[in-house]
Amino acid sequence: MIDYEMFLMGEKPALIEYSKSNAFLSNKHLLMHYPHILTNDYYIFFQTIEQKNEFIPKLRKVKFDSPEFRKLVGLEIGYPPKAVDFYVKYSELEKQEGSYEINQLESHRVSIRYAGIRCVCHLDDLIECFEWLWEKYPSLDDTPKVLVGTTFYPIHGRQDIENVRQIVLKNVKELV
């Protein structure tokens, strides 16, 4: 399932799209009737006008593309809080050339695919992120997956998460 489908079905609370992306331009006709705002070439779409109206004052308090902005938007579009925190931290460290910490985070970074959500998180937060997603989006007929390198691993429960953790940890040890 893609973000658009989940948003259009009302499952995903909000959606952010770059106004000049091919994906957005191809689907613009499906989205423009939803409440939305445009900020620095990014549209943020909402399920309801009330949701939009609650978001705007929060948005006015942060600078575009700041860590606070990324966190605010990540939470609004329905990403797990731990994944949002990881993304914000990772994004800030990416700006620092040669950061040792970014290499540490990169080696423990995993990608989650579920319910139109495509996000990254730290390996140590994988269980918490999946539990949050399963609670937030419980009724979806979608097999969650974790992307490690170029391989997708289906997740059906905690044991699968632990198996993925062991694969990543083994890869990290081999790199050292």
C-alpha atoms as a PDB file:
ATOM      1  CA  MET A   1       0.000   0.000   0.000  1.00  0.00           C
ATOM      2  CA  ILE A   2       1.259   3.459  -0.742  1.00  0.00           C
ATOM      3  CA  ASP A   3       0.863   6.642   1.250  1.00  0.00           C
ATOM      4  CA  TYR A   4      -1.810   7.979  -1.103  1.00  0.00           C
ATOM      5  CA  GLU A   5      -4.010   4.917  -0.794  1.00  0.00           C
ATOM      6  CA  MET A   6      -3.810   4.951   2.991  1.00  0.00           C
ATOM      7  CA  PHE A   7      -4.530   8.663   3.109  1.00  0.00           C
ATOM      8  CA  LEU A   8      -7.448   8.409   0.669  1.00  0.00           C
ATOM      9  CA  MET A   9      -8.908   5.532   2.705  1.00  0.00           C
ATOM     10  CA  GLY A  10      -8.805   7.781   5.770  1.00  0.00           C
ATOM     11  CA  GLU A  11      -6.294   5.552   7.584  1.00  0.00           C
ATOM     12  CA  LYS A  12      -3.329   7.930   7.383  1.00  0.00           C
ATOM     13  CA  PRO A  13      -4.014  11.183   9.264  1.00  0.00           C
ATOM     14  CA  ALA A  14      -2.026  13.477   6.983  1.00  0.00           C
ATOM     15  CA  LEU A  15       0.288  13.436   3.996  1.00  0.00           C
ATOM     16  CA  ILE A  16       3.228  15.598   2.952  1.00  0.00           C
ATOM     17  CA  GLU A  17       4.262  15.857  -0.680  1.00  0.00           C
ATOM     18  CA  TYR A  18       6.809  17.868  -2.631  1.00  0.00           C
ATOM     19  CA  SER A  19       4.764  19.952  -5.048  1.00  0.00           C
ATOM     20  CA  LYS A  20       7.053  19.235  -8.007  1.00  0.00           C
ATOM     21  CA  SER A  21       7.482  15.484  -7.604  1.00  0.00           C
ATOM     22  CA  ASN A  22       6.230  13.261 -10.399  1.00  0.00           C
ATOM     23  CA  ALA A  23       4.278  11.123  -7.929  1.00  0.00           C
ATOM     24  CA  PHE A  24       2.445  14.166  -6.600  1.00  0.00           C
ATOM     25  CA  LEU A  25       1.794  15.643 -10.026  1.00  0.00           C
ATOM     26  CA  SER A  26       0.302  12.316 -11.162  1.00  0.00           C
ATOM     27  CA  ASN A  27      -2.002  12.159  -8.115  1.00  0.00           C
ATOM     28  CA  LYS A  28      -2.685  15.852  -7.550  1.00  0.00           C
ATOM     29  CA  HIS A  29      -6.276  15.522  -8.783  1.00  0.00           C
ATOM     30  CA  LEU A  30      -6.982  12.991  -6.014  1.00  0.00           C
ATOM     31  CA  LEU A  31      -5.654  15.205  -3.237  1.00  0.00           C
ATOM     32  CA  MET A  32      -6.448  18.850  -3.910  1.00  0.00           C
ATOM     33  CA  HIS A  33     -10.003  18.671  -2.543  1.00  0.00           C
ATOM     34  CA  TYR A  34      -8.630  17.736   0.915  1.00  0.00           C
ATOM     35  CA  PRO A  35      -7.828  20.507   3.396  1.00  0.00           C
ATOM     36  CA  HIS A  36      -4.202  21.449   2.784  1.00  0.00           C
ATOM     37  CA  ILE A  37      -1.483  24.015   3.190  1.00  0.00           C
ATOM     38  CA  LEU A  38       1.525  24.822   1.033  1.00  0.00           C
ATOM     39  CA  THR A  39       4.796  25.622   2.755  1.00  0.00           C
ATOM     40  CA  ASN A  40       8.073  26.015   0.847  1.00  0.00           C
ATOM     41  CA  ASP A  41       6.932  23.873  -2.104  1.00  0.00           C
ATOM     42  CA  TYR A  42       5.555  21.140   0.176  1.00  0.00           C
ATOM     43  CA  TYR A  43       1.869  20.405   0.462  1.00  0.00           C
ATOM     44  CA  ILE A  44       0.558  19.003   3.711  1.00  0.00           C
ATOM     45  CA  PHE A  45      -2.860  17.383   3.316  1.00  0.00           C
ATOM     46  CA  PHE A  46      -5.225  16.707   6.200  1.00  0.00           C
ATOM     47  CA  GLN A  47      -8.267  14.503   6.656  1.00  0.00           C
ATOM     48  CA  THR A  48     -10.341  17.332   8.152  1.00  0.00           C
ATOM     49  CA  ILE A  49     -10.413  21.114   8.237  1.00  0.00           C
ATOM     50  CA  GLU A  50     -10.296  20.911  12.052  1.00  0.00           C
ATOM     51  CA  GLN A  51      -7.053  18.963  11.882  1.00  0.00           C
ATOM     52  CA  LYS A  52      -5.607  21.572   9.529  1.00  0.00           C
ATOM     53  CA  ASN A  53      -6.745  24.425  11.755  1.00  0.00           C
ATOM     54  CA  GLU A  54      -5.139  22.795  14.820  1.00  0.00           C
ATOM     55  CA  PHE A  55      -1.886  22.255  12.933  1.00  0.00           C
ATOM     56  CA  ILE A  56      -1.395  25.760  11.518  1.00  0.00           C
ATOM     57  CA  PRO A  57      -0.642  27.508  14.861  1.00  0.00           C
ATOM     58  CA  LYS A  58       1.914  24.795  15.670  1.00  0.00           C
ATOM     59  CA  LEU A  59       3.524  25.250  12.262  1.00  0.00           C
ATOM     60  CA  ARG A  60       3.841  29.004  12.763  1.00  0.00           C
ATOM     61  CA  LYS A  61       6.047  28.388  15.818  1.00  0.00           C
ATOM     62  CA  VAL A  62       8.745  26.491  13.904  1.00  0.00           C
ATOM     63  CA  LYS A  63      11.134  27.288  11.093  1.00  0.00           C
ATOM     64  CA  PHE A  64      10.754  25.326   7.859  1.00  0.00           C
ATOM     65  CA  ASP A  65      13.122  22.327   7.679  1.00  0.00           C
ATOM     66  CA  SER A  66      14.262  22.757  11.272  1.00  0.00           C
ATOM     67  CA  PRO A  67      14.400  19.761  13.601  1.00  0.00           C
ATOM     68  CA  GLU A  68      11.222  21.050  15.242  1.00  0.00           C
ATOM     69  CA  PHE A  69       9.511  21.262  11.837  1.00  0.00           C
ATOM     70  CA  ARG A  70      10.523  17.705  10.915  1.00  0.00           C
ATOM     71  CA  LYS A  71       9.277  16.385  14.252  1.00  0.00           C
ATOM     72  CA  LEU A  72       5.980  18.252  14.027  1.00  0.00           C
ATOM     73  CA  VAL A  73       5.285  17.008  10.498  1.00  0.00           C
ATOM     74  CA  GLY A  74       6.461  13.443  11.191  1.00  0.00           C
ATOM     75  CA  LEU A  75       4.072  13.090  14.093  1.00  0.00           C
ATOM     76  CA  GLU A  76       1.227  14.714  12.154  1.00  0.00           C
ATOM     77  CA  ILE A  77       1.538  12.337   9.195  1.00  0.00           C
ATOM     78  CA  GLY A  78       1.325   9.326  11.469  1.00  0.00           C
ATOM     79  CA  TYR A  79       4.864   8.064  11.977  1.00  0.00           C
ATOM     80  CA  PRO A  80       5.866   6.336  15.225  1.00  0.00           C
ATOM     81  CA  PRO A  81       7.301   8.864  17.708  1.00  0.00           C
ATOM     82  CA  LYS A  82      10.555   6.885  18.115  1.00  0.00           C
ATOM     83  CA  ALA A  83      10.976   6.795  14.335  1.00  0.00           C
ATOM     84  CA  VAL A  84      10.388  10.544  14.137  1.00  0.00           C
ATOM     85  CA  ASP A  85      12.990  11.174  16.847  1.00  0.00           C
ATOM     86  CA  PHE A  86      15.492   8.965  15.034  1.00  0.00           C
ATOM     87  CA  TYR A  87      14.877  10.695  11.696  1.00  0.00           C
ATOM     88  CA  VAL A  88      15.292  14.145  13.219  1.00  0.00           C
ATOM     89  CA  LYS A  89      18.532  13.166  14.961  1.00  0.00           C
ATOM     90  CA  TYR A  90      19.865  11.397  11.865  1.00  0.00           C
ATOM     91  CA  SER A  91      19.022  14.372   9.629  1.00  0.00           C
ATOM     92  CA  GLU A  92      20.870  16.759  11.904  1.00  0.00           C
ATOM     93  CA  LEU A  93      23.937  14.518  12.129  1.00  0.00           C
ATOM     94  CA  GLU A  94      23.992  14.108   8.346  1.00  0.00           C
ATOM     95  CA  LYS A  95      24.792  17.807   8.088  1.00  0.00           C
ATOM     96  CA  GLN A  96      27.992  17.285  10.091  1.00  0.00           C
ATOM     97  CA  GLU A  97      30.660  15.885   7.795  1.00  0.00           C
ATOM     98  CA  GLY A  98      32.653  12.991   9.163  1.00  0.00           C
ATOM     99  CA  SER A  99      30.487  12.520  12.236  1.00  0.00           C
ATOM    100  CA  TYR A 100      31.320   9.319  14.083  1.00  0.00           C
ATOM    101  CA  GLU A 101      27.820   9.243  15.513  1.00  0.00           C
ATOM    102  CA  ILE A 102      26.207   9.214  12.041  1.00  0.00           C
ATOM    103  CA  ASN A 103      28.194   6.069  11.199  1.00  0.00           C
ATOM    104  CA  GLN A 104      26.946   4.442  14.403  1.00  0.00           C
ATOM    105  CA  LEU A 105      23.350   5.396  13.625  1.00  0.00           C
ATOM    106  CA  GLU A 106      23.670   4.288  10.007  1.00  0.00           C
ATOM    107  CA  SER A 107      24.818   0.817  11.028  1.00  0.00           C
ATOM    108  CA  HIS A 108      21.729   0.410  13.234  1.00  0.00           C
ATOM    109  CA  ARG A 109      19.224   2.097  10.918  1.00  0.00           C
ATOM    110  CA  VAL A 110      16.376   0.004   9.537  1.00  0.00           C
ATOM    111  CA  SER A 111      13.477   0.924   7.282  1.00  0.00           C
ATOM    112  CA  ILE A 112       9.889   0.046   8.088  1.00  0.00           C
ATOM    113  CA  ARG A 113       7.149  -0.428   5.517  1.00  0.00           C
ATOM    114  CA  TYR A 114       3.608  -0.765   6.827  1.00  0.00           C
ATOM    115  CA  ALA A 115       0.205   0.739   6.182  1.00  0.00           C
ATOM    116  CA  GLY A 116       1.527   3.333   3.777  1.00  0.00           C
ATOM    117  CA  ILE A 117       4.162   4.300   6.315  1.00  0.00           C
ATOM    118  CA  ARG A 118       7.723   4.340   5.065  1.00  0.00           C
ATOM    119  CA  CYS A 119      10.031   5.407   7.810  1.00  0.00           C
ATOM    120  CA  VAL A 120      13.363   4.639   9.413  1.00  0.00           C
ATOM    121  CA  CYS A 121      14.175   3.878  13.003  1.00  0.00           C
ATOM    122  CA  HIS A 122      17.000   2.689  15.201  1.00  0.00           C
ATOM    123  CA  LEU A 123      17.272  -1.052  15.547  1.00  0.00           C
ATOM    124  CA  ASP A 124      16.819  -0.751  19.314  1.00  0.00           C
ATOM    125  CA  ASP A 125      13.428   0.925  18.766  1.00  0.00           C
ATOM    126  CA  LEU A 126      12.095  -1.549  16.207  1.00  0.00           C
ATOM    127  CA  ILE A 127       9.790  -3.439  18.583  1.00  0.00           C
ATOM    128  CA  GLU A 128       8.393  -0.236  20.055  1.00  0.00           C
ATOM    129  CA  CYS A 129       7.809   1.243  16.597  1.00  0.00           C
ATOM    130  CA  PHE A 130       5.964  -1.858  15.395  1.00  0.00           C
ATOM    131  CA  GLU A 131       3.858  -2.044  18.540  1.00  0.00           C
ATOM    132  CA  TRP A 132       2.935   1.603  18.057  1.00  0.00           C
ATOM    133  CA  LEU A 133       2.051   1.006  14.395  1.00  0.00           C
ATOM    134  CA  TRP A 134      -0.019  -2.091  15.178  1.00  0.00           C
ATOM    135  CA  GLU A 135      -1.931  -0.166  17.834  1.00  0.00           C
ATOM    136  CA  LYS A 136      -2.442   2.873  15.609  1.00  0.00           C
ATOM    137  CA  TYR A 137      -3.352   0.929  12.436  1.00  0.00           C
ATOM    138  CA  PRO A 138      -4.733  -2.375  13.786  1.00  0.00           C
ATOM    139  CA  SER A 139      -7.192  -3.491  11.161  1.00  0.00           C
ATOM    140  CA  LEU A 140      -5.120  -3.247   8.036  1.00  0.00           C
ATOM    141  CA  ASP A 141      -4.550  -6.210   5.793  1.00  0.00           C
ATOM    142  CA  ASP A 142      -0.927  -5.379   5.127  1.00  0.00           C
ATOM    143  CA  THR A 143       2.145  -7.422   6.022  1.00  0.00           C
ATOM    144  CA  PRO A 144       4.683  -5.184   7.721  1.00  0.00           C
ATOM    145  CA  LYS A 145       8.214  -5.376   6.413  1.00  0.00           C
ATOM    146  CA  VAL A 146      11.647  -4.281   7.502  1.00  0.00           C
ATOM    147  CA  LEU A 147      14.174  -3.335   4.847  1.00  0.00           C
ATOM    148  CA  VAL A 148      17.751  -4.237   5.715  1.00  0.00           C
ATOM    149  CA  GLY A 149      20.163  -3.374   2.932  1.00  0.00           C
ATOM    150  CA  THR A 150      18.272  -4.514  -0.152  1.00  0.00           C
ATOM    151  CA  THR A 151      16.264  -7.309   1.492  1.00  0.00           C
ATOM    152  CA  PHE A 152      12.720  -7.002   2.811  1.00  0.00           C
ATOM    153  CA  TYR A 153      11.852  -9.177   5.805  1.00  0.00           C
ATOM    154  CA  PRO A 154       8.142  -9.764   6.552  1.00  0.00           C
ATOM    155  CA  ILE A 155       7.128  -9.195  10.159  1.00  0.00           C
ATOM    156  CA  HIS A 156       4.342 -11.281  11.676  1.00  0.00           C
ATOM    157  CA  GLY A 157       5.230 -10.837  15.329  1.00  0.00           C
ATOM    158  CA  ARG A 158       7.940 -10.215  17.903  1.00  0.00           C
ATOM    159  CA  GLN A 159       9.976 -13.262  16.890  1.00  0.00           C
ATOM    160  CA  ASP A 160      10.348 -11.948  13.338  1.00  0.00           C
ATOM    161  CA  ILE A 161      11.469  -8.604  14.737  1.00  0.00           C
ATOM    162  CA  GLU A 162      14.058 -10.351  16.894  1.00  0.00           C
ATOM    163  CA  ASN A 163      15.264 -12.338  13.871  1.00  0.00           C
ATOM    164  CA  VAL A 164      15.774  -9.104  11.919  1.00  0.00           C
ATOM    165  CA  ARG A 165      17.583  -7.584  14.901  1.00  0.00           C
ATOM    166  CA  GLN A 166      20.003 -10.511  14.938  1.00  0.00           C
ATOM    167  CA  ILE A 167      20.642 -10.186  11.186  1.00  0.00           C
ATOM    168  CA  VAL A 168      21.461  -6.488  11.541  1.00  0.00           C
ATOM    169  CA  LEU A 169      23.643  -7.050  14.600  1.00  0.00           C
ATOM    170  CA  LYS A 170      25.538  -9.794  12.761  1.00  0.00           C
ATOM    171  CA  ASN A 171      26.122  -7.429   9.818  1.00  0.00           C
ATOM    172  CA  VAL A 172      27.364  -4.723  12.191  1.00  0.00           C
ATOM    173  CA  LYS A 173      29.842  -7.144  13.818  1.00  0.00           C
ATOM    174  CA  GLU A 174      31.103  -8.191  10.368  1.00  0.00           C
ATOM    175  CA  LEU A 175      31.792  -4.556   9.473  1.00  0.00           C
ATOM    176  CA  VAL A 176      33.927  -4.018  12.575  1.00  0.00           C
END
